[in-house]
Amino acid sequence: MGKLRILFRVMVILGFVSFIAGIFMSMKELMEYGLCVGVAGIVGYAIIFVVGSTSIARKKTISD
């Protein structure tokens, strides 16, 4: 899961950089690409977060 988190972080950063570069260069396609990659990275990171936080941890039960 650690490698997936790094991948999604890179996608968010790449999307943000592409979006800003598209604004400065007035390229609609680059802005759209950056927006799509950034949103996909955020969605993927959110899925990893939800799956990781809802996984059942094996805990020892305390019985009397």
N, C-alpha and C. Protein backbone atom coordinates (compact mmCIF):
# COMPACT_ATOMS: atom_id res chain seq x y z
N MET A 1 0.81 -1.19 0.00
CA MET A 1 0.00 0.00 0.00
C MET A 1 0.86 1.26 0.00
N GLY A 2 2.08 1.13 0.52
CA GLY A 2 2.95 2.29 0.57
C GLY A 2 3.33 2.80 -0.81
N LYS A 3 3.56 1.87 -1.74
CA LYS A 3 3.92 2.27 -3.10
C LYS A 3 2.74 2.92 -3.82
N LEU A 4 1.54 2.46 -3.52
CA LEU A 4 0.36 3.07 -4.14
C LEU A 4 0.16 4.49 -3.64
N ARG A 5 0.40 4.72 -2.35
CA ARG A 5 0.27 6.08 -1.82
C ARG A 5 1.25 7.02 -2.48
N ILE A 6 2.48 6.54 -2.68
CA ILE A 6 3.49 7.36 -3.35
C ILE A 6 3.06 7.65 -4.78
N LEU A 7 2.53 6.64 -5.47
CA LEU A 7 2.07 6.82 -6.84
C LEU A 7 0.97 7.86 -6.92
N PHE A 8 0.00 7.80 -6.01
CA PHE A 8 -1.10 8.75 -6.04
C PHE A 8 -0.64 10.15 -5.66
N ARG A 9 0.32 10.26 -4.77
CA ARG A 9 0.87 11.58 -4.44
C ARG A 9 1.57 12.18 -5.65
N VAL A 10 2.32 11.35 -6.37
CA VAL A 10 3.00 11.83 -7.58
C VAL A 10 1.97 12.26 -8.63
N MET A 11 0.87 11.51 -8.74
CA MET A 11 -0.17 11.89 -9.70
C MET A 11 -0.78 13.25 -9.35
N VAL A 12 -1.01 13.49 -8.06
CA VAL A 12 -1.59 14.77 -7.65
C VAL A 12 -0.61 15.90 -7.95
N ILE A 13 0.65 15.70 -7.64
CA ILE A 13 1.66 16.74 -7.89
C ILE A 13 1.82 16.98 -9.38
N LEU A 14 1.88 15.91 -10.17
CA LEU A 14 2.00 16.05 -11.62
C LEU A 14 0.79 16.76 -12.21
N GLY A 15 -0.39 16.41 -11.73
CA GLY A 15 -1.61 17.07 -12.21
C GLY A 15 -1.63 18.54 -11.88
N PHE A 16 -1.20 18.90 -10.65
CA PHE A 16 -1.17 20.30 -10.26
C PHE A 16 -0.18 21.09 -11.10
N VAL A 17 1.00 20.52 -11.31
CA VAL A 17 2.02 21.20 -12.11
C VAL A 17 1.55 21.36 -13.56
N SER A 18 0.93 20.32 -14.12
CA SER A 18 0.44 20.40 -15.49
C SER A 18 -0.69 21.42 -15.62
N PHE A 19 -1.56 21.47 -14.62
CA PHE A 19 -2.66 22.44 -14.65
C PHE A 19 -2.13 23.87 -14.62
N ILE A 20 -1.18 24.14 -13.73
CA ILE A 20 -0.61 25.49 -13.63
C ILE A 20 0.16 25.83 -14.91
N ALA A 21 0.91 24.87 -15.44
CA ALA A 21 1.65 25.13 -16.68
C ALA A 21 0.70 25.39 -17.83
N GLY A 22 -0.42 24.70 -17.88
CA GLY A 22 -1.42 24.94 -18.91
C GLY A 22 -2.04 26.31 -18.82
N ILE A 23 -2.21 26.81 -17.60
CA ILE A 23 -2.75 28.16 -17.43
C ILE A 23 -1.75 29.19 -17.94
N PHE A 24 -0.48 29.04 -17.55
CA PHE A 24 0.53 30.02 -17.96
C PHE A 24 0.81 29.97 -19.46
N MET A 25 0.70 28.78 -20.06
CA MET A 25 1.00 28.64 -21.48
C MET A 25 -0.26 28.76 -22.34
N SER A 26 -1.41 28.98 -21.72
CA SER A 26 -2.70 29.09 -22.41
C SER A 26 -2.98 27.88 -23.29
N MET A 27 -2.74 26.70 -22.74
CA MET A 27 -3.01 25.45 -23.45
C MET A 27 -4.14 24.72 -22.74
N LYS A 28 -5.30 24.68 -23.39
CA LYS A 28 -6.47 24.06 -22.80
C LYS A 28 -6.26 22.56 -22.57
N GLU A 29 -5.60 21.89 -23.50
CA GLU A 29 -5.39 20.45 -23.39
C GLU A 29 -4.52 20.10 -22.19
N LEU A 30 -3.49 20.88 -21.95
CA LEU A 30 -2.60 20.63 -20.82
C LEU A 30 -3.32 20.87 -19.50
N MET A 31 -4.18 21.89 -19.45
CA MET A 31 -4.96 22.13 -18.25
C MET A 31 -5.92 20.98 -17.99
N GLU A 32 -6.57 20.48 -19.03
CA GLU A 32 -7.50 19.36 -18.87
C GLU A 32 -6.76 18.10 -18.43
N TYR A 33 -5.60 17.86 -19.02
CA TYR A 33 -4.79 16.70 -18.63
C TYR A 33 -4.40 16.79 -17.15
N GLY A 34 -3.94 17.96 -16.74
CA GLY A 34 -3.55 18.16 -15.35
C GLY A 34 -4.70 17.99 -14.40
N LEU A 35 -5.86 18.49 -14.78
CA LEU A 35 -7.04 18.37 -13.93
C LEU A 35 -7.46 16.90 -13.79
N CYS A 36 -7.45 16.17 -14.90
CA CYS A 36 -7.84 14.76 -14.86
C CYS A 36 -6.87 13.93 -14.04
N VAL A 37 -5.58 14.13 -14.22
CA VAL A 37 -4.59 13.36 -13.48
C VAL A 37 -4.65 13.71 -12.00
N GLY A 38 -4.83 14.97 -11.69
CA GLY A 38 -4.92 15.39 -10.29
C GLY A 38 -6.13 14.80 -9.59
N VAL A 39 -7.28 14.85 -10.25
CA VAL A 39 -8.50 14.29 -9.66
C VAL A 39 -8.38 12.78 -9.51
N ALA A 40 -7.80 12.11 -10.50
CA ALA A 40 -7.61 10.66 -10.39
C ALA A 40 -6.68 10.32 -9.22
N GLY A 41 -5.65 11.11 -9.02
CA GLY A 41 -4.76 10.90 -7.89
C GLY A 41 -5.45 11.10 -6.56
N ILE A 42 -6.29 12.13 -6.46
CA ILE A 42 -7.02 12.39 -5.22
C ILE A 42 -8.01 11.26 -4.94
N VAL A 43 -8.72 10.80 -5.96
CA VAL A 43 -9.68 9.72 -5.78
C VAL A 43 -8.96 8.43 -5.37
N GLY A 44 -7.86 8.13 -6.01
CA GLY A 44 -7.10 6.93 -5.67
C GLY A 44 -6.55 7.00 -4.25
N TYR A 45 -6.05 8.15 -3.86
CA TYR A 45 -5.53 8.30 -2.51
C TYR A 45 -6.65 8.18 -1.48
N ALA A 46 -7.83 8.70 -1.80
CA ALA A 46 -8.98 8.59 -0.89
C ALA A 46 -9.41 7.13 -0.75
N ILE A 47 -9.39 6.38 -1.84
CA ILE A 47 -9.76 4.96 -1.78
C ILE A 47 -8.78 4.20 -0.91
N ILE A 48 -7.50 4.45 -1.09
CA ILE A 48 -6.48 3.79 -0.27
C ILE A 48 -6.66 4.15 1.20
N PHE A 49 -6.99 5.41 1.48
CA PHE A 49 -7.20 5.84 2.86
C PHE A 49 -8.40 5.12 3.49
N VAL A 50 -9.50 5.04 2.74
CA VAL A 50 -10.70 4.40 3.27
C VAL A 50 -10.47 2.91 3.47
N VAL A 51 -9.85 2.26 2.52
CA VAL A 51 -9.59 0.82 2.64
C VAL A 51 -8.64 0.56 3.81
N GLY A 52 -7.64 1.39 3.96
CA GLY A 52 -6.69 1.20 5.06
C GLY A 52 -7.29 1.48 6.42
N SER A 53 -8.22 2.42 6.50
CA SER A 53 -8.79 2.76 7.80
C SER A 53 -9.92 1.83 8.21
N THR A 54 -10.51 1.12 7.26
CA THR A 54 -11.61 0.23 7.61
C THR A 54 -11.20 -1.24 7.68
N SER A 55 -9.93 -1.52 7.48
CA SER A 55 -9.51 -2.91 7.55
C SER A 55 -9.60 -3.41 8.99
N ILE A 56 -10.00 -4.63 9.13
CA ILE A 56 -10.20 -5.20 10.45
C ILE A 56 -8.85 -5.62 11.02
N ALA A 57 -8.51 -5.04 12.13
CA ALA A 57 -7.25 -5.38 12.80
C ALA A 57 -7.51 -6.55 13.73
N ARG A 58 -6.60 -7.48 13.71
CA ARG A 58 -6.73 -8.64 14.59
C ARG A 58 -6.25 -8.26 15.98
N LYS A 59 -7.19 -8.16 16.86
CA LYS A 59 -6.88 -7.77 18.23
C LYS A 59 -7.13 -8.95 19.16
N LYS A 60 -6.40 -8.99 20.23
CA LYS A 60 -6.62 -10.02 21.23
C LYS A 60 -7.84 -9.63 22.06
N THR A 61 -8.71 -10.57 22.26
CA THR A 61 -9.88 -10.30 23.08
C THR A 61 -9.55 -10.59 24.54
N ILE A 62 -10.02 -9.72 25.37
CA ILE A 62 -9.81 -9.90 26.80
C ILE A 62 -11.06 -10.53 27.37
N SER A 63 -10.91 -11.72 27.85
CA SER A 63 -12.06 -12.42 28.42
C SER A 63 -11.80 -12.72 29.88
N ASP A 64 -12.83 -12.63 30.66
CA ASP A 64 -12.71 -12.89 32.10
C ASP A 64 -12.97 -14.32 32.41
